[in-house]
Protein backbone atom coordinates (compact mmCIF):
# COMPACT_ATOMS: atom_id res chain seq x y z
CA MET A 1 4.78 42.54 -11.15
CA LEU A 2 6.35 40.18 -8.70
CA GLN A 3 9.67 41.46 -7.31
CA THR A 4 12.21 39.10 -8.52
CA SER A 5 12.77 36.85 -5.20
CA ALA A 6 9.15 36.42 -5.00
CA ARG A 7 8.80 35.77 -8.82
CA LEU A 8 11.52 33.11 -8.60
CA LEU A 9 10.03 31.47 -5.38
CA ARG A 10 6.93 31.70 -7.76
CA LEU A 11 8.44 29.96 -10.46
CA LEU A 12 9.77 27.37 -8.52
CA SER A 13 6.30 26.53 -7.21
CA LEU A 14 4.98 26.42 -10.55
CA LEU A 15 7.83 24.06 -12.39
CA GLN A 16 6.77 21.58 -8.98
CA VAL A 17 3.03 21.30 -9.50
CA ARG A 18 3.09 20.15 -13.22
CA ARG A 19 5.46 17.76 -15.29
CA GLU A 20 6.66 20.69 -18.28
CA TRP A 21 5.59 23.98 -18.65
CA SER A 22 6.00 26.28 -21.97
CA GLY A 23 7.63 29.34 -22.11
CA SER A 24 4.98 31.40 -22.91
CA ASP A 25 2.56 29.94 -19.91
CA LEU A 26 5.28 30.71 -17.51
CA ALA A 27 5.63 34.20 -19.06
CA GLU A 28 1.75 34.67 -18.61
CA ARG A 29 1.65 33.16 -15.14
CA LEU A 30 4.18 35.13 -13.90
CA GLU A 31 3.33 38.33 -16.42
CA VAL A 32 6.58 38.96 -17.20
CA ASP A 33 8.04 38.12 -20.99
CA VAL A 34 10.19 34.95 -22.17
CA ARG A 35 13.25 36.55 -22.01
CA THR A 36 12.70 37.26 -18.10
CA VAL A 37 11.46 33.38 -17.68
CA ARG A 38 14.87 32.54 -19.22
CA ARG A 39 16.60 34.52 -17.00
CA ASP A 40 14.78 33.48 -13.87
CA VAL A 41 15.23 29.72 -15.15
CA ASP A 42 18.83 30.36 -14.73
CA LYS A 43 19.23 31.84 -11.63
CA LEU A 44 17.06 28.81 -10.28
CA ARG A 45 19.79 26.45 -11.91
CA THR A 46 22.85 28.50 -10.07
CA LEU A 47 20.77 27.57 -6.88
CA GLY A 48 21.07 24.03 -7.50
CA TYR A 49 17.76 23.13 -9.24
CA PRO A 50 17.83 20.87 -11.70
CA VAL A 51 15.55 22.88 -14.31
CA ASN A 52 15.35 20.66 -17.45
CA ALA A 53 14.84 23.05 -21.24
CA THR A 54 13.67 21.21 -24.63
CA THR A 55 14.04 23.15 -28.08
CA GLY A 56 11.28 23.20 -30.78
CA THR A 57 7.33 23.81 -31.16
CA ALA A 58 6.86 21.69 -28.03
CA GLY A 59 9.75 22.58 -26.17
CA GLY A 60 9.31 23.74 -22.43
CA TYR A 61 11.08 23.57 -19.05
CA ARG A 62 10.77 20.74 -16.54
CA LEU A 63 12.27 20.51 -12.94
CA GLY A 64 14.61 17.22 -13.30
CA ALA A 65 16.02 15.26 -10.36
CA GLY A 66 19.64 16.53 -9.55
CA ALA A 67 22.47 14.72 -7.36
CA ALA A 68 21.46 17.01 -4.49
CA LEU A 69 18.35 17.73 -2.91
CA PRO A 70 17.20 21.22 -3.12
CA PRO A 71 15.15 23.19 -0.87
CA LEU A 72 11.03 22.04 -1.76
CA LEU A 73 8.11 24.55 -1.67
CA LEU A 74 4.96 23.44 -0.26
CA ASP A 75 1.95 25.10 0.47
CA ASP A 76 0.20 25.03 3.78
CA ASP A 77 -1.72 21.86 3.77
CA GLU A 78 0.86 19.88 2.16
CA ALA A 79 3.25 20.96 4.79
CA VAL A 80 0.81 20.33 7.84
CA ALA A 81 0.57 16.74 5.94
CA VAL A 82 4.07 16.29 5.32
CA ALA A 83 4.56 16.68 9.39
CA VAL A 84 1.45 14.30 10.31
CA SER A 85 2.64 11.75 8.02
CA LEU A 86 6.35 12.03 9.60
CA ARG A 87 4.92 11.83 13.42
CA THR A 88 2.92 8.95 12.61
CA ALA A 89 6.13 7.28 10.53
CA THR A 90 7.48 7.22 13.86
CA ASN A 91 5.31 4.76 15.62
CA GLY A 92 4.23 2.59 12.45
CA PRO A 93 5.29 -0.77 11.55
CA ILE A 94 8.47 0.44 9.16
CA SER A 95 11.52 -0.35 11.10
CA GLY A 96 14.49 1.62 10.40
CA ILE A 97 13.06 4.69 9.82
CA GLU A 98 12.23 5.95 13.44
CA ASP A 99 15.53 8.49 13.86
CA THR A 100 14.96 9.61 10.26
CA SER A 101 11.44 10.52 10.54
CA LEU A 102 11.94 12.26 13.54
CA ARG A 103 15.12 14.11 12.10
CA ALA A 104 12.71 15.25 9.06
CA LEU A 105 10.05 16.15 11.51
CA THR A 106 12.49 18.49 13.27
CA LYS A 107 13.82 19.84 10.63
CA LEU A 108 10.31 21.04 9.05
CA GLU A 109 8.91 22.37 12.22
CA GLN A 110 12.19 25.07 12.40
CA VAL A 111 10.72 26.50 9.01
CA LEU A 112 7.21 26.28 9.30
CA PRO A 113 5.71 29.41 10.01
CA SER A 114 3.73 29.98 13.66
CA ARG A 115 0.23 29.45 12.06
CA LEU A 116 1.34 26.03 10.85
CA ARG A 117 3.29 25.23 13.88
CA ARG A 118 -0.04 25.94 15.90
CA ARG A 119 -1.89 23.69 13.65
CA VAL A 120 0.53 20.98 13.50
CA ASN A 121 1.06 21.17 17.53
CA ALA A 122 -2.75 21.42 18.12
CA LEU A 123 -2.90 17.69 16.33
CA GLN A 124 -0.07 16.18 17.99
CA SER A 125 -0.92 17.93 22.04
CA PHE A 126 -4.71 16.74 21.57
CA THR A 127 -4.25 13.84 19.52
CA VAL A 128 -3.74 10.35 21.93
CA PRO A 129 -2.80 7.36 20.12
CA ILE A 130 -4.03 4.13 21.48
CA PRO A 131 -1.69 1.68 21.36
CA LEU A 132 -2.23 -1.64 19.23
CA ARG A 133 -1.65 -5.21 19.91
CA PRO A 134 2.27 -6.02 19.65
CA GLY A 135 2.61 -6.83 15.42
CA PRO A 136 5.10 -7.42 13.10
CA THR A 137 7.87 -4.90 12.33
CA VAL A 138 9.31 -4.92 8.55
CA ASP A 139 12.89 -3.39 7.77
CA ALA A 140 12.99 -0.47 5.74
CA ALA A 141 16.22 -1.85 4.08
CA VAL A 142 14.28 -5.13 3.46
CA LEU A 143 10.73 -3.04 1.69
CA THR A 144 13.70 -1.04 -0.25
CA THR A 145 15.52 -4.44 -1.86
CA ILE A 146 12.68 -5.92 -2.61
CA ALA A 147 10.71 -2.77 -4.47
CA ASN A 148 13.95 -2.54 -6.44
CA ALA A 149 13.77 -6.23 -7.96
CA CYS A 150 10.31 -5.56 -8.24
CA ARG A 151 11.08 -2.33 -11.00
CA ASP A 152 14.11 -3.66 -12.29
CA HIS A 153 12.53 -7.00 -12.71
CA GLU A 154 15.31 -9.30 -10.99
CA ARG A 155 14.70 -12.62 -9.37
CA LEU A 156 14.72 -12.41 -5.69
CA ARG A 157 16.38 -15.09 -3.70
CA PHE A 158 15.64 -14.97 0.32
CA ASP A 159 15.32 -17.25 3.40
CA TYR A 160 11.73 -17.56 4.46
CA ARG A 161 9.55 -18.60 8.09
CA ASP A 162 6.33 -19.92 7.14
CA HIS A 163 3.80 -19.94 9.77
CA ASN A 164 5.27 -22.87 11.68
CA GLY A 165 8.37 -21.24 11.72
CA ASP A 166 10.51 -23.49 9.34
CA ALA A 167 13.00 -21.82 7.05
CA THR A 168 13.37 -22.22 3.43
CA LEU A 169 15.32 -20.41 0.97
CA ARG A 170 13.09 -19.29 -1.72
CA VAL A 171 13.96 -17.76 -5.85
CA VAL A 172 11.12 -16.20 -6.76
CA GLU A 173 10.32 -13.47 -9.23
CA PRO A 174 8.80 -10.34 -7.54
CA HIS A 175 5.50 -8.54 -8.83
CA SER A 176 4.54 -6.19 -6.21
CA MET A 177 3.94 -5.38 -2.57
CA ALA A 178 0.95 -5.00 -0.63
CA ASN A 179 0.49 -3.12 2.45
CA TRP A 180 -2.57 -4.61 4.91
CA GLY A 181 -2.66 -3.14 8.27
CA ARG A 182 0.34 -3.48 10.28
CA LYS A 183 1.34 -6.06 7.69
CA TRP A 184 3.67 -6.37 4.42
CA TYR A 185 2.94 -8.91 1.50
CA LEU A 186 5.28 -10.06 -1.23
CA VAL A 187 3.50 -11.47 -4.58
CA ALA A 188 5.69 -13.39 -6.45
CA TRP A 189 6.37 -16.20 -9.21
CA ASP A 190 8.27 -19.12 -7.35
CA VAL A 191 10.58 -20.41 -9.59
CA ASP A 192 11.06 -23.72 -7.35
CA ARG A 193 7.35 -24.34 -7.16
CA ALA A 194 6.36 -23.32 -10.58
CA ASP A 195 3.49 -20.96 -9.20
CA TRP A 196 2.29 -17.78 -7.57
CA ARG A 197 3.20 -16.94 -4.13
CA THR A 198 2.22 -14.40 -1.22
CA PHE A 199 5.17 -14.00 1.38
CA ARG A 200 4.73 -11.43 4.59
CA VAL A 201 7.54 -9.65 4.46
CA ASP A 202 8.60 -9.23 8.10
CA ARG A 203 9.41 -13.29 7.56
CA ILE A 204 11.87 -12.57 4.39
CA GLN A 205 15.98 -11.82 4.82
CA PRO A 206 17.20 -11.38 1.25
CA ARG A 207 20.32 -12.35 -0.03
CA THR A 208 22.29 -10.56 -1.87
CA PRO A 209 23.03 -10.12 -5.17
CA THR A 210 19.36 -9.65 -7.12
CA GLY A 211 19.36 -11.02 -10.51
CA PRO A 212 19.40 -12.33 -13.13
CA ARG A 213 16.38 -10.34 -14.89
CA PHE A 214 13.03 -11.80 -16.03
CA THR A 215 10.17 -11.10 -18.04
CA PRO A 216 7.12 -10.13 -15.87
CA ARG A 217 4.36 -12.12 -15.47
CA GLU A 218 0.60 -11.14 -15.40
CA LEU A 219 -1.47 -12.20 -11.92
CA PRO A 220 -3.68 -15.10 -12.82
CA ASP A 221 -7.18 -14.33 -13.95
CA GLY A 222 -6.36 -11.04 -14.78
CA ALA A 223 -6.64 -10.30 -11.01
CA ASP A 224 -5.21 -6.89 -9.88
CA VAL A 225 -2.37 -7.17 -6.72
CA ALA A 226 -5.05 -6.17 -3.69
CA THR A 227 -7.82 -8.58 -4.81
CA TYR A 228 -4.74 -11.28 -5.14
CA VAL A 229 -3.63 -10.35 -1.46
CA SER A 230 -7.28 -10.68 -0.16
CA ALA A 231 -7.73 -13.65 -1.39
CA ARG A 232 -4.73 -15.17 -0.30
CA VAL A 233 -4.82 -14.05 3.40
CA THR A 234 -8.02 -15.09 4.36
CA ALA A 235 -6.93 -18.48 3.16
CA ALA A 236 -4.13 -18.59 5.66
CA PRO A 237 -3.26 -22.08 7.46
CA TRP A 238 -5.29 -21.19 10.15
CA ARG A 239 -5.54 -23.30 13.56
CA PHE A 240 -9.04 -23.23 12.78
CA ARG A 241 -10.58 -22.84 9.51
CA ALA A 242 -14.70 -22.24 9.66
CA ARG A 243 -17.81 -22.54 7.17
CA ILE A 244 -21.11 -20.54 8.43
CA LEU A 245 -24.21 -20.35 6.77
CA MET A 246 -25.26 -16.90 7.25
CA HIS A 247 -28.87 -15.47 7.21
CA ALA A 248 -28.42 -12.83 5.43
CA SER A 249 -27.64 -12.03 1.38
CA ALA A 250 -23.69 -12.07 1.06
CA GLU A 251 -23.91 -8.04 -0.57
CA ALA A 252 -25.83 -7.00 2.84
CA LEU A 253 -23.00 -8.57 4.58
CA ALA A 254 -19.91 -7.31 2.43
CA GLU A 255 -20.44 -3.92 4.42
CA ARG A 256 -20.23 -5.69 7.58
CA ILE A 257 -17.41 -8.48 7.31
CA SER A 258 -14.19 -7.07 5.53
CA THR A 259 -12.07 -9.14 3.46
CA ALA A 260 -9.55 -9.35 6.25
CA VAL A 261 -12.11 -11.69 8.14
CA GLY A 262 -13.13 -14.53 5.34
CA THR A 263 -14.79 -14.62 2.21
CA LEU A 264 -18.66 -14.51 1.45
CA GLU A 265 -19.83 -17.10 -1.38
CA PRO A 266 -23.39 -16.04 -2.02
CA VAL A 267 -26.35 -19.13 -1.65
CA ASP A 268 -29.38 -17.32 -2.76
CA GLU A 269 -30.94 -13.50 -1.91
CA ASN A 270 -30.99 -14.03 1.96
CA THR A 271 -28.32 -16.60 2.83
CA CYS A 272 -24.43 -16.56 2.21
CA VAL A 273 -21.75 -18.77 3.14
CA LEU A 274 -18.63 -17.42 5.11
CA VAL A 275 -15.49 -19.01 4.98
CA THR A 276 -13.16 -17.72 7.68
CA GLY A 277 -10.56 -18.89 10.01
CA ALA A 278 -8.18 -18.03 13.09
CA ASP A 279 -5.96 -19.13 15.47
CA SER A 280 -8.41 -19.06 17.88
CA LEU A 281 -12.12 -20.00 18.76
CA GLU A 282 -12.77 -17.33 20.95
CA THR A 283 -11.34 -14.77 17.73
CA LEU A 284 -14.62 -16.73 15.29
CA ALA A 285 -17.08 -16.30 17.85
CA LEU A 286 -16.11 -12.83 17.92
CA TYR A 287 -16.43 -12.37 14.39
CA LEU A 288 -20.19 -14.25 13.93
CA GLY A 289 -21.41 -12.21 16.77
CA MET A 290 -20.22 -8.69 15.51
CA ALA A 291 -22.12 -9.22 12.30
CA GLY A 292 -25.26 -8.81 13.84
CA VAL A 293 -27.27 -11.79 12.01
CA ASP A 294 -28.81 -15.09 12.61
CA PHE A 295 -26.19 -17.81 11.37
CA GLU A 296 -25.43 -21.84 11.61
CA VAL A 297 -22.23 -23.17 12.00
CA GLN A 298 -21.34 -26.07 9.75
CA GLU A 299 -17.83 -26.53 10.99
CA PRO A 300 -15.73 -27.35 12.77
CA PRO A 301 -17.52 -28.93 15.46
CA GLU A 302 -15.10 -27.63 17.94
CA LEU A 303 -16.56 -23.94 17.48
CA ILE A 304 -20.55 -25.33 17.72
CA ASP A 305 -19.16 -26.79 20.94
CA HIS A 306 -17.35 -23.20 22.07
CA ILE A 307 -20.44 -21.33 20.75
CA ARG A 308 -23.09 -23.60 22.60
CA ALA A 309 -20.65 -22.96 26.19
CA LEU A 310 -20.60 -19.16 25.36
CA GLY A 311 -24.55 -18.97 24.82
CA ARG A 312 -24.64 -20.67 28.32
CA ARG A 313 -22.69 -18.33 29.76
CA TYR A 314 -24.48 -15.22 28.48
CA ASN A 315 -27.77 -16.79 29.79
CA ARG A 316 -26.39 -17.09 33.56
CA ALA A 317 -24.98 -12.90 33.01
CA ALA A 318 -28.56 -12.42 32.07
CA GLY A 319 -30.01 -14.04 35.30
CA GLU A 320 -32.26 -16.76 32.87
CA GLY A 321 -30.03 -19.90 34.70
């Protein structure tokens, strides 16, 4: 039979991994009687853990949310995962959480057993982050404001800077957010335009208060958020828009060309059309070269000229004149 202190820790661990336990199930796991379980639950409550109890045939115990954050129990893998995630967050695209992530990581590392601290330190010491190209950062407070409006179904007003830097006031019914690499997007029903829109969160400056409440809408054609955002992002107002006839099936190219690059329109079993865009011809040429198949540029004409010039440059580099 477990000693009292060890049994309390075991009881707390069980309550954290499942939504609800019956008294008899806990007693069986802890190898004690139901009366002992009740006493141990009372001891956890005196330590600040909000353990809720329900009576009746379906009664049981559930760990609730309290006014203060009590200590958490993590197994070895969970502790390492949290430590690594906190370290990653200190260099992530969300601004405003760097210092708090570092403080939380410091507290966690102080109480980690030496065997786990060695694992975490090994990951940190022998992992070198490669600096990414400068990208947009999102304010954590903005993310929280938008998420709360989505949850509470409250209209959101915000100042928005579009692709050209023009500012407008938008009133929307927020649906949800999506994270794509370093960018965050808000999917929402634009009240003034009476249509769905996708907004870059780093270009949003919310106005308060939020409200009034609204009845949530379904995305058009039953699309899920990821698919909807992917389609809208690839149709962004790039400086150059291109249509490329690819000499491979859409199914084969789907493994090489992500939705972040463009969309594939099947033509037949051996060809498809890639609809893509970029702010530079060099980027478009890079996408096409990495596809690894023959292709024909349908538009724009500037891309045709650029690829011809690029081909001549490659020929000279290979000593072919």
